Amino acid sequence: MNDDQLQVSILASSSQGNSLLIKTPQQQILIDAGLSGKKIKNLLASIGQDITKIDAILVTHEHSDHIRGVGVLARRYGLNIYANQKTWQAMLPKIGKVPPEQQHCFEANSVINIGGIDIESFSVSHDAVDPQFYNVHYAGKSFVDLTDTGYVSDQVKYIIQNADGILMECNHDVQMLRDGLYPWSLKQRIISDEGHLSNLDGAQALCDVIGNQTHQVFLGHLSPENNFKTLAHETVVDVLTKEDLGVNHDFFLHDTDPEQATKLTTI
């Protein structure tokens, strides 16, 4: 691995559980740990990575599909955990004891450095106490994680513009959601400004932020009840192509999976 390489694997991404690996020669960081500790260990092993090499976990918000394994991993491997104050307050009753020296406060709309990686947090519109996602900067490269938001504001678009790599939410197909078995109250929550991006929403946001530096795009947080990989992929390809964006030419479009990690990709 070269000294200036930023690598990423989406370990799992869906409404059932989310975690991704950020790797540089000096540091290995997880963003979220929304699966069991054992599952995350196995997903890392499937791409040749050792869970004992992880240094920290960044938490986006307190929903269970993002924090399920946080407490176990923190205690078992002595990991530093980063989240904003309100998320810590909402999360601690759900994850059990985390030693105080491993609890780190990282507020929204700020930047911290972990082992040479600059991590920029930004607020999003989601029905959690204080949700934030991350733009990771290393050696002139950047990778954006954005998987739970009802819409992408102009401020967020400015922050994530022209990132080298992007994980973008494509949670649902609107028609599938409307025709599906969810109760109306849940359907309203999902399509609201504090819910989740549809395939079309995610595609349109990508049109606004993909730039000349963007080379890797991942589609994430798909709902198993209200979406299909092929449908999300085809919708995004159709929208981006109509905007004359060079899908799989200027940049590559990757699917993610609830059970299988993506290969370790250099950003």
C-alpha atoms as a PDB file:
ATOM      1  CA  MET A   1       0.000   0.000   0.000  1.00  0.00           C
ATOM      2  CA  ASN A   2       1.480   3.360  -1.026  1.00  0.00           C
ATOM      3  CA  ASP A   3       1.920   6.022   1.634  1.00  0.00           C
ATOM      4  CA  ASP A   4      -0.640   8.279  -0.054  1.00  0.00           C
ATOM      5  CA  GLN A   5      -3.397   5.709  -0.644  1.00  0.00           C
ATOM      6  CA  LEU A   6      -6.908   6.159   0.709  1.00  0.00           C
ATOM      7  CA  GLN A   7      -8.861   2.914   0.479  1.00  0.00           C
ATOM      8  CA  VAL A   8     -12.502   2.130   1.206  1.00  0.00           C
ATOM      9  CA  SER A   9     -14.706  -0.935   1.565  1.00  0.00           C
ATOM     10  CA  ILE A  10     -18.444  -0.771   2.156  1.00  0.00           C
ATOM     11  CA  LEU A  11     -18.690  -3.681   4.579  1.00  0.00           C
ATOM     12  CA  ALA A  12     -22.488  -3.642   4.631  1.00  0.00           C
ATOM     13  CA  SER A  13     -25.113  -1.148   3.571  1.00  0.00           C
ATOM     14  CA  SER A  14     -28.881  -1.461   3.875  1.00  0.00           C
ATOM     15  CA  SER A  15     -31.715  -0.466   6.169  1.00  0.00           C
ATOM     16  CA  GLN A  16     -30.764  -3.567   8.218  1.00  0.00           C
ATOM     17  CA  GLY A  17     -27.159  -2.646   9.011  1.00  0.00           C
ATOM     18  CA  ASN A  18     -24.372  -0.288   7.933  1.00  0.00           C
ATOM     19  CA  SER A  19     -20.609  -0.137   8.306  1.00  0.00           C
ATOM     20  CA  LEU A  20     -17.724   0.937   6.108  1.00  0.00           C
ATOM     21  CA  LEU A  21     -13.947   0.792   6.370  1.00  0.00           C
ATOM     22  CA  ILE A  22     -11.608   3.720   5.744  1.00  0.00           C
ATOM     23  CA  LYS A  23      -7.980   2.610   5.406  1.00  0.00           C
ATOM     24  CA  THR A  24      -4.699   4.504   5.044  1.00  0.00           C
ATOM     25  CA  PRO A  25      -1.174   3.188   5.694  1.00  0.00           C
ATOM     26  CA  GLN A  26      -1.361   4.630   9.221  1.00  0.00           C
ATOM     27  CA  GLN A  27      -5.013   4.231  10.259  1.00  0.00           C
ATOM     28  CA  GLN A  28      -8.079   2.041   9.883  1.00  0.00           C
ATOM     29  CA  ILE A  29     -11.416   3.566  10.829  1.00  0.00           C
ATOM     30  CA  LEU A  30     -14.977   2.303  10.691  1.00  0.00           C
ATOM     31  CA  ILE A  31     -17.853   4.641   9.968  1.00  0.00           C
ATOM     32  CA  ASP A  32     -20.757   3.106  11.901  1.00  0.00           C
ATOM     33  CA  ALA A  33     -21.016  -0.433  13.213  1.00  0.00           C
ATOM     34  CA  GLY A  34     -24.638  -1.344  12.646  1.00  0.00           C
ATOM     35  CA  LEU A  35     -24.185  -5.117  12.694  1.00  0.00           C
ATOM     36  CA  SER A  36     -23.038  -7.559  15.357  1.00  0.00           C
ATOM     37  CA  GLY A  37     -19.383  -7.453  16.307  1.00  0.00           C
ATOM     38  CA  LYS A  38     -18.942 -10.995  14.962  1.00  0.00           C
ATOM     39  CA  LYS A  39     -20.493 -10.055  11.620  1.00  0.00           C
ATOM     40  CA  ILE A  40     -18.243  -7.011  11.237  1.00  0.00           C
ATOM     41  CA  LYS A  41     -15.186  -9.115  12.140  1.00  0.00           C
ATOM     42  CA  ASN A  42     -16.137 -11.649   9.463  1.00  0.00           C
ATOM     43  CA  LEU A  43     -16.827  -8.980   6.836  1.00  0.00           C
ATOM     44  CA  LEU A  44     -13.411  -7.454   7.459  1.00  0.00           C
ATOM     45  CA  ALA A  45     -11.801 -10.870   7.219  1.00  0.00           C
ATOM     46  CA  SER A  46     -13.568 -11.477   3.896  1.00  0.00           C
ATOM     47  CA  ILE A  47     -11.515  -8.650   2.368  1.00  0.00           C
ATOM     48  CA  GLY A  48      -8.314  -9.644   4.100  1.00  0.00           C
ATOM     49  CA  GLN A  49      -8.522  -7.179   6.981  1.00  0.00           C
ATOM     50  CA  ASP A  50      -8.016  -7.790  10.696  1.00  0.00           C
ATOM     51  CA  ILE A  51     -10.465  -6.287  13.163  1.00  0.00           C
ATOM     52  CA  THR A  52      -7.655  -5.877  15.717  1.00  0.00           C
ATOM     53  CA  LYS A  53      -6.112  -3.284  13.379  1.00  0.00           C
ATOM     54  CA  ILE A  54      -9.143  -0.965  13.606  1.00  0.00           C
ATOM     55  CA  ASP A  55      -8.324   2.238  15.494  1.00  0.00           C
ATOM     56  CA  ALA A  56     -11.668   4.018  15.842  1.00  0.00           C
ATOM     57  CA  ILE A  57     -15.364   4.140  14.974  1.00  0.00           C
ATOM     58  CA  LEU A  58     -17.130   7.274  13.766  1.00  0.00           C
ATOM     59  CA  VAL A  59     -20.861   7.213  14.506  1.00  0.00           C
ATOM     60  CA  THR A  60     -23.352   9.053  12.311  1.00  0.00           C
ATOM     61  CA  HIS A  61     -26.469   8.736  14.491  1.00  0.00           C
ATOM     62  CA  GLU A  62     -28.107   6.540  17.105  1.00  0.00           C
ATOM     63  CA  HIS A  63     -30.394   4.342  14.974  1.00  0.00           C
ATOM     64  CA  SER A  64     -29.757   0.644  15.566  1.00  0.00           C
ATOM     65  CA  ASP A  65     -28.727  -0.120  11.981  1.00  0.00           C
ATOM     66  CA  HIS A  66     -25.733   2.164  12.580  1.00  0.00           C
ATOM     67  CA  ILE A  67     -24.729   1.372  16.193  1.00  0.00           C
ATOM     68  CA  ARG A  68     -25.630  -2.277  16.883  1.00  0.00           C
ATOM     69  CA  GLY A  69     -22.004  -3.385  17.252  1.00  0.00           C
ATOM     70  CA  VAL A  70     -20.445  -0.181  18.584  1.00  0.00           C
ATOM     71  CA  GLY A  71     -20.450  -1.066  22.283  1.00  0.00           C
ATOM     72  CA  VAL A  72     -19.187  -4.627  21.829  1.00  0.00           C
ATOM     73  CA  LEU A  73     -16.347  -3.545  19.537  1.00  0.00           C
ATOM     74  CA  ALA A  74     -15.390  -0.655  21.809  1.00  0.00           C
ATOM     75  CA  ARG A  75     -15.105  -2.919  24.834  1.00  0.00           C
ATOM     76  CA  ARG A  76     -13.513  -5.921  23.151  1.00  0.00           C
ATOM     77  CA  TYR A  77     -10.894  -4.089  21.114  1.00  0.00           C
ATOM     78  CA  GLY A  78     -10.415  -0.860  23.064  1.00  0.00           C
ATOM     79  CA  LEU A  79     -11.574   1.303  20.162  1.00  0.00           C
ATOM     80  CA  ASN A  80     -11.996   5.061  20.334  1.00  0.00           C
ATOM     81  CA  ILE A  81     -15.570   6.075  19.505  1.00  0.00           C
ATOM     82  CA  TYR A  82     -16.443   9.475  18.003  1.00  0.00           C
ATOM     83  CA  ALA A  83     -19.928  11.006  17.979  1.00  0.00           C
ATOM     84  CA  ASN A  84     -21.510  14.337  18.792  1.00  0.00           C
ATOM     85  CA  GLN A  85     -22.822  15.034  22.286  1.00  0.00           C
ATOM     86  CA  LYS A  86     -26.514  14.516  21.550  1.00  0.00           C
ATOM     87  CA  THR A  87     -25.803  11.266  19.751  1.00  0.00           C
ATOM     88  CA  TRP A  88     -23.741  10.051  22.702  1.00  0.00           C
ATOM     89  CA  GLN A  89     -26.653  10.801  25.047  1.00  0.00           C
ATOM     90  CA  ALA A  90     -29.096   8.900  22.828  1.00  0.00           C
ATOM     91  CA  MET A  91     -26.685   6.065  22.042  1.00  0.00           C
ATOM     92  CA  LEU A  92     -25.218   5.106  25.430  1.00  0.00           C
ATOM     93  CA  PRO A  93     -28.390   3.491  26.827  1.00  0.00           C
ATOM     94  CA  LYS A  94     -28.465   1.256  23.747  1.00  0.00           C
ATOM     95  CA  ILE A  95     -24.811   0.158  23.514  1.00  0.00           C
ATOM     96  CA  GLY A  96     -23.833  -0.416  27.135  1.00  0.00           C
ATOM     97  CA  LYS A  97     -20.805   0.898  28.964  1.00  0.00           C
ATOM     98  CA  VAL A  98     -17.959   2.444  27.013  1.00  0.00           C
ATOM     99  CA  PRO A  99     -14.911   3.494  29.068  1.00  0.00           C
ATOM    100  CA  PRO A 100     -14.818   7.301  29.374  1.00  0.00           C
ATOM    101  CA  GLU A 101     -11.342   7.484  27.859  1.00  0.00           C
ATOM    102  CA  GLN A 102     -12.721   5.886  24.682  1.00  0.00           C
ATOM    103  CA  GLN A 103     -15.609   8.376  24.362  1.00  0.00           C
ATOM    104  CA  HIS A 104     -14.767  11.315  22.100  1.00  0.00           C
ATOM    105  CA  CYS A 105     -17.052  14.193  21.226  1.00  0.00           C
ATOM    106  CA  PHE A 106     -17.048  15.224  17.569  1.00  0.00           C
ATOM    107  CA  GLU A 107     -19.650  17.889  16.865  1.00  0.00           C
ATOM    108  CA  ALA A 108     -21.385  18.441  13.554  1.00  0.00           C
ATOM    109  CA  ASN A 109     -19.927  20.895  11.046  1.00  0.00           C
ATOM    110  CA  SER A 110     -16.388  20.647  12.366  1.00  0.00           C
ATOM    111  CA  VAL A 111     -13.110  18.950  11.415  1.00  0.00           C
ATOM    112  CA  ILE A 112     -10.891  16.621  13.424  1.00  0.00           C
ATOM    113  CA  ASN A 113      -7.688  14.787  12.553  1.00  0.00           C
ATOM    114  CA  ILE A 114      -7.248  11.110  13.367  1.00  0.00           C
ATOM    115  CA  GLY A 115      -3.849   9.681  12.505  1.00  0.00           C
ATOM    116  CA  GLY A 116      -3.292  12.053   9.610  1.00  0.00           C
ATOM    117  CA  ILE A 117      -6.844  11.756   8.251  1.00  0.00           C
ATOM    118  CA  ASP A 118      -8.876  14.971   8.251  1.00  0.00           C
ATOM    119  CA  ILE A 119     -12.536  14.166   8.876  1.00  0.00           C
ATOM    120  CA  GLU A 120     -15.178  16.783   8.172  1.00  0.00           C
ATOM    121  CA  SER A 121     -18.597  16.263   9.761  1.00  0.00           C
ATOM    122  CA  PHE A 122     -21.757  17.773   8.318  1.00  0.00           C
ATOM    123  CA  SER A 123     -25.380  17.883   9.483  1.00  0.00           C
ATOM    124  CA  VAL A 124     -28.132  16.166   7.511  1.00  0.00           C
ATOM    125  CA  SER A 125     -31.936  16.068   7.672  1.00  0.00           C
ATOM    126  CA  HIS A 126     -32.923  12.775   9.292  1.00  0.00           C
ATOM    127  CA  ASP A 127     -35.179  11.807  12.200  1.00  0.00           C
ATOM    128  CA  ALA A 128     -32.399  11.291  14.729  1.00  0.00           C
ATOM    129  CA  VAL A 129     -31.337  13.613  17.546  1.00  0.00           C
ATOM    130  CA  ASP A 130     -28.375  15.191  15.741  1.00  0.00           C
ATOM    131  CA  PRO A 131     -27.410  13.176  12.641  1.00  0.00           C
ATOM    132  CA  GLN A 132     -24.135  13.912  10.915  1.00  0.00           C
ATOM    133  CA  PHE A 133     -22.181  12.297   8.123  1.00  0.00           C
ATOM    134  CA  TYR A 134     -18.571  12.562   7.041  1.00  0.00           C
ATOM    135  CA  ASN A 135     -16.244  13.759   4.308  1.00  0.00           C
ATOM    136  CA  VAL A 136     -12.897  12.004   4.794  1.00  0.00           C
ATOM    137  CA  HIS A 137      -9.760  13.746   3.452  1.00  0.00           C
ATOM    138  CA  TYR A 138      -6.348  12.135   3.046  1.00  0.00           C
ATOM    139  CA  ALA A 139      -3.363  12.868   0.777  1.00  0.00           C
ATOM    140  CA  GLY A 140      -5.402  15.097  -1.525  1.00  0.00           C
ATOM    141  CA  LYS A 141      -8.261  12.584  -1.856  1.00  0.00           C
ATOM    142  CA  SER A 142     -11.723  12.669  -0.329  1.00  0.00           C
ATOM    143  CA  PHE A 143     -14.469  10.145   0.341  1.00  0.00           C
ATOM    144  CA  VAL A 144     -18.044  11.036   1.349  1.00  0.00           C
ATOM    145  CA  ASP A 145     -20.455   8.869   3.342  1.00  0.00           C
ATOM    146  CA  LEU A 146     -24.089  10.004   2.961  1.00  0.00           C
ATOM    147  CA  THR A 147     -26.718   7.323   3.594  1.00  0.00           C
ATOM    148  CA  ASP A 148     -29.534   8.689   5.788  1.00  0.00           C
ATOM    149  CA  THR A 149     -31.134  11.985   4.830  1.00  0.00           C
ATOM    150  CA  GLY A 150     -34.505  13.139   3.569  1.00  0.00           C
ATOM    151  CA  TYR A 151     -32.926  15.575   1.128  1.00  0.00           C
ATOM    152  CA  VAL A 152     -29.507  16.915   0.192  1.00  0.00           C
ATOM    153  CA  SER A 153     -29.292  20.602   1.050  1.00  0.00           C
ATOM    154  CA  ASP A 154     -27.289  23.126  -0.926  1.00  0.00           C
ATOM    155  CA  GLN A 155     -24.870  23.343   2.017  1.00  0.00           C
ATOM    156  CA  VAL A 156     -24.264  19.580   1.956  1.00  0.00           C
ATOM    157  CA  LYS A 157     -23.839  19.653  -1.831  1.00  0.00           C
ATOM    158  CA  TYR A 158     -21.191  22.340  -1.414  1.00  0.00           C
ATOM    159  CA  ILE A 159     -19.326  20.266   1.200  1.00  0.00           C
ATOM    160  CA  ILE A 160     -19.323  17.042  -0.830  1.00  0.00           C
ATOM    161  CA  GLN A 161     -18.869  18.603  -4.281  1.00  0.00           C
ATOM    162  CA  ASN A 162     -16.326  16.847  -6.503  1.00  0.00           C
ATOM    163  CA  ALA A 163     -15.318  14.242  -3.921  1.00  0.00           C
ATOM    164  CA  ASP A 164     -13.099  11.479  -5.291  1.00  0.00           C
ATOM    165  CA  GLY A 165     -15.424   8.809  -3.888  1.00  0.00           C
ATOM    166  CA  ILE A 166     -19.054   8.943  -2.740  1.00  0.00           C
ATOM    167  CA  LEU A 167     -21.395   6.539  -0.963  1.00  0.00           C
ATOM    168  CA  MET A 168     -24.860   7.883  -1.818  1.00  0.00           C
ATOM    169  CA  GLU A 169     -28.163   6.717  -0.404  1.00  0.00           C
ATOM    170  CA  CYS A 170     -30.659   5.123  -2.778  1.00  0.00           C
ATOM    171  CA  ASN A 171     -33.042   3.756  -0.180  1.00  0.00           C
ATOM    172  CA  HIS A 172     -36.259   3.069  -2.054  1.00  0.00           C
ATOM    173  CA  ASP A 173     -38.217   3.139  -5.249  1.00  0.00           C
ATOM    174  CA  VAL A 174     -41.116   5.496  -4.626  1.00  0.00           C
ATOM    175  CA  GLN A 175     -43.695   3.342  -6.413  1.00  0.00           C
ATOM    176  CA  MET A 176     -42.592   0.194  -4.596  1.00  0.00           C
ATOM    177  CA  LEU A 177     -42.842   2.045  -1.306  1.00  0.00           C
ATOM    178  CA  ARG A 178     -46.332   3.364  -2.098  1.00  0.00           C
ATOM    179  CA  ASP A 179     -47.575  -0.055  -3.207  1.00  0.00           C
ATOM    180  CA  GLY A 180     -45.877  -1.964  -0.386  1.00  0.00           C
ATOM    181  CA  LEU A 181     -47.094  -3.301   2.948  1.00  0.00           C
ATOM    182  CA  TYR A 182     -45.612  -0.646   5.236  1.00  0.00           C
ATOM    183  CA  PRO A 183     -48.201   1.271   7.302  1.00  0.00           C
ATOM    184  CA  TRP A 184     -48.981   4.720   5.959  1.00  0.00           C
ATOM    185  CA  SER A 185     -47.264   6.419   8.901  1.00  0.00           C
ATOM    186  CA  LEU A 186     -43.982   4.657   8.084  1.00  0.00           C
ATOM    187  CA  LYS A 187     -44.318   5.457   4.385  1.00  0.00           C
ATOM    188  CA  GLN A 188     -44.791   9.115   5.293  1.00  0.00           C
ATOM    189  CA  ARG A 189     -41.701   9.022   7.511  1.00  0.00           C
ATOM    190  CA  ILE A 190     -39.535   7.535   4.759  1.00  0.00           C
ATOM    191  CA  ILE A 191     -40.565  10.006   2.054  1.00  0.00           C
ATOM    192  CA  SER A 192     -40.439  13.039   4.359  1.00  0.00           C
ATOM    193  CA  ASP A 193     -37.640  15.610   4.498  1.00  0.00           C
ATOM    194  CA  GLU A 194     -36.337  13.756   7.579  1.00  0.00           C
ATOM    195  CA  GLY A 195     -36.513  10.315   5.999  1.00  0.00           C
ATOM    196  CA  HIS A 196     -34.508   8.706   3.220  1.00  0.00           C
ATOM    197  CA  LEU A 197     -33.475   9.457  -0.349  1.00  0.00           C
ATOM    198  CA  SER A 198     -35.230   7.535  -3.099  1.00  0.00           C
ATOM    199  CA  ASN A 199     -33.340   6.140  -6.081  1.00  0.00           C
ATOM    200  CA  LEU A 200     -34.317   9.217  -8.056  1.00  0.00           C
ATOM    201  CA  ASP A 201     -33.353  11.580  -5.222  1.00  0.00           C
ATOM    202  CA  GLY A 202     -29.935   9.947  -4.910  1.00  0.00           C
ATOM    203  CA  ALA A 203     -29.396  10.107  -8.660  1.00  0.00           C
ATOM    204  CA  GLN A 204     -30.325  13.773  -8.821  1.00  0.00           C
ATOM    205  CA  ALA A 205     -28.021  14.596  -5.913  1.00  0.00           C
ATOM    206  CA  LEU A 206     -25.180  12.799  -7.694  1.00  0.00           C
ATOM    207  CA  CYS A 207     -25.806  14.902 -10.797  1.00  0.00           C
ATOM    208  CA  ASP A 208     -25.200  17.993  -8.680  1.00  0.00           C
ATOM    209  CA  VAL A 209     -22.020  16.840  -6.936  1.00  0.00           C
ATOM    210  CA  ILE A 210     -20.078  14.574  -9.314  1.00  0.00           C
ATOM    211  CA  GLY A 211     -17.070  16.418 -10.689  1.00  0.00           C
ATOM    212  CA  ASN A 212     -13.880  15.801 -12.613  1.00  0.00           C
ATOM    213  CA  GLN A 213     -12.198  14.311  -9.526  1.00  0.00           C
ATOM    214  CA  THR A 214     -15.018  11.838  -8.854  1.00  0.00           C
ATOM    215  CA  HIS A 215     -13.974   8.314  -9.826  1.00  0.00           C
ATOM    216  CA  GLN A 216     -15.817   5.926  -7.490  1.00  0.00           C
ATOM    217  CA  VAL A 217     -19.542   6.071  -6.661  1.00  0.00           C
ATOM    218  CA  PHE A 218     -21.324   3.545  -4.443  1.00  0.00           C
ATOM    219  CA  LEU A 219     -25.107   3.192  -4.088  1.00  0.00           C
ATOM    220  CA  GLY A 220     -26.099   2.388  -0.517  1.00  0.00           C
ATOM    221  CA  HIS A 221     -28.695   1.860   2.201  1.00  0.00           C
ATOM    222  CA  LEU A 222     -31.147   0.050  -0.095  1.00  0.00           C
ATOM    223  CA  SER A 223     -34.361  -1.128   1.537  1.00  0.00           C
ATOM    224  CA  PRO A 224     -34.892  -4.885   1.084  1.00  0.00           C
ATOM    225  CA  GLU A 225     -38.656  -4.324   1.082  1.00  0.00           C
ATOM    226  CA  ASN A 226     -38.842  -1.314  -1.218  1.00  0.00           C
ATOM    227  CA  ASN A 227     -35.956  -1.629  -3.661  1.00  0.00           C
ATOM    228  CA  PHE A 228     -33.787  -3.898  -5.779  1.00  0.00           C
ATOM    229  CA  LYS A 229     -30.115  -3.481  -6.662  1.00  0.00           C
ATOM    230  CA  THR A 230     -30.863  -3.636 -10.373  1.00  0.00           C
ATOM    231  CA  LEU A 231     -33.652  -1.070 -10.088  1.00  0.00           C
ATOM    232  CA  ALA A 232     -31.525   1.385  -8.095  1.00  0.00           C
ATOM    233  CA  HIS A 233     -28.570   0.928 -10.451  1.00  0.00           C
ATOM    234  CA  GLU A 234     -30.633   1.316 -13.614  1.00  0.00           C
ATOM    235  CA  THR A 235     -32.415   4.408 -12.272  1.00  0.00           C
ATOM    236  CA  VAL A 236     -29.135   6.115 -11.376  1.00  0.00           C
ATOM    237  CA  VAL A 237     -27.495   5.175 -14.687  1.00  0.00           C
ATOM    238  CA  ASP A 238     -30.481   6.520 -16.615  1.00  0.00           C
ATOM    239  CA  VAL A 239     -30.504   9.862 -14.781  1.00  0.00           C
ATOM    240  CA  LEU A 240     -26.732  10.366 -14.927  1.00  0.00           C
ATOM    241  CA  THR A 241     -26.569   9.401 -18.604  1.00  0.00           C
ATOM    242  CA  LYS A 242     -29.274  11.919 -19.486  1.00  0.00           C
ATOM    243  CA  GLU A 243     -27.067  14.552 -17.834  1.00  0.00           C
ATOM    244  CA  ASP A 244     -24.134  13.467 -20.041  1.00  0.00           C
ATOM    245  CA  LEU A 245     -22.162  12.143 -17.090  1.00  0.00           C
ATOM    246  CA  GLY A 246     -19.748   9.386 -18.068  1.00  0.00           C
ATOM    247  CA  VAL A 247     -21.001   6.418 -16.054  1.00  0.00           C
ATOM    248  CA  ASN A 248     -18.354   3.652 -15.989  1.00  0.00           C
ATOM    249  CA  HIS A 249     -16.138   5.823 -18.144  1.00  0.00           C
ATOM    250  CA  ASP A 250     -15.264   8.954 -16.185  1.00  0.00           C
ATOM    251  CA  PHE A 251     -16.264   7.223 -12.936  1.00  0.00           C
ATOM    252  CA  PHE A 252     -17.353   3.767 -11.820  1.00  0.00           C
ATOM    253  CA  LEU A 253     -20.750   2.994 -10.297  1.00  0.00           C
ATOM    254  CA  HIS A 254     -20.764   0.231  -7.659  1.00  0.00           C
ATOM    255  CA  ASP A 255     -23.581  -1.610  -5.903  1.00  0.00           C
ATOM    256  CA  THR A 256     -23.378  -2.433  -2.192  1.00  0.00           C
ATOM    257  CA  ASP A 257     -24.859  -5.327  -0.267  1.00  0.00           C
ATOM    258  CA  PRO A 258     -26.325  -6.083   3.191  1.00  0.00           C
ATOM    259  CA  GLU A 259     -24.250  -9.257   3.566  1.00  0.00           C
ATOM    260  CA  GLN A 260     -21.136  -8.925   1.408  1.00  0.00           C
ATOM    261  CA  ALA A 261     -18.346  -6.343   1.612  1.00  0.00           C
ATOM    262  CA  THR A 262     -17.226  -4.525  -1.506  1.00  0.00           C
ATOM    263  CA  LYS A 263     -13.613  -5.068  -2.479  1.00  0.00           C
ATOM    264  CA  LEU A 264     -11.081  -2.730  -0.941  1.00  0.00           C
ATOM    265  CA  THR A 265     -11.067   0.120  -3.447  1.00  0.00           C
ATOM    266  CA  THR A 266      -8.416   2.814  -3.826  1.00  0.00           C
ATOM    267  CA  ILE A 267     -10.027   6.228  -3.990  1.00  0.00           C
END
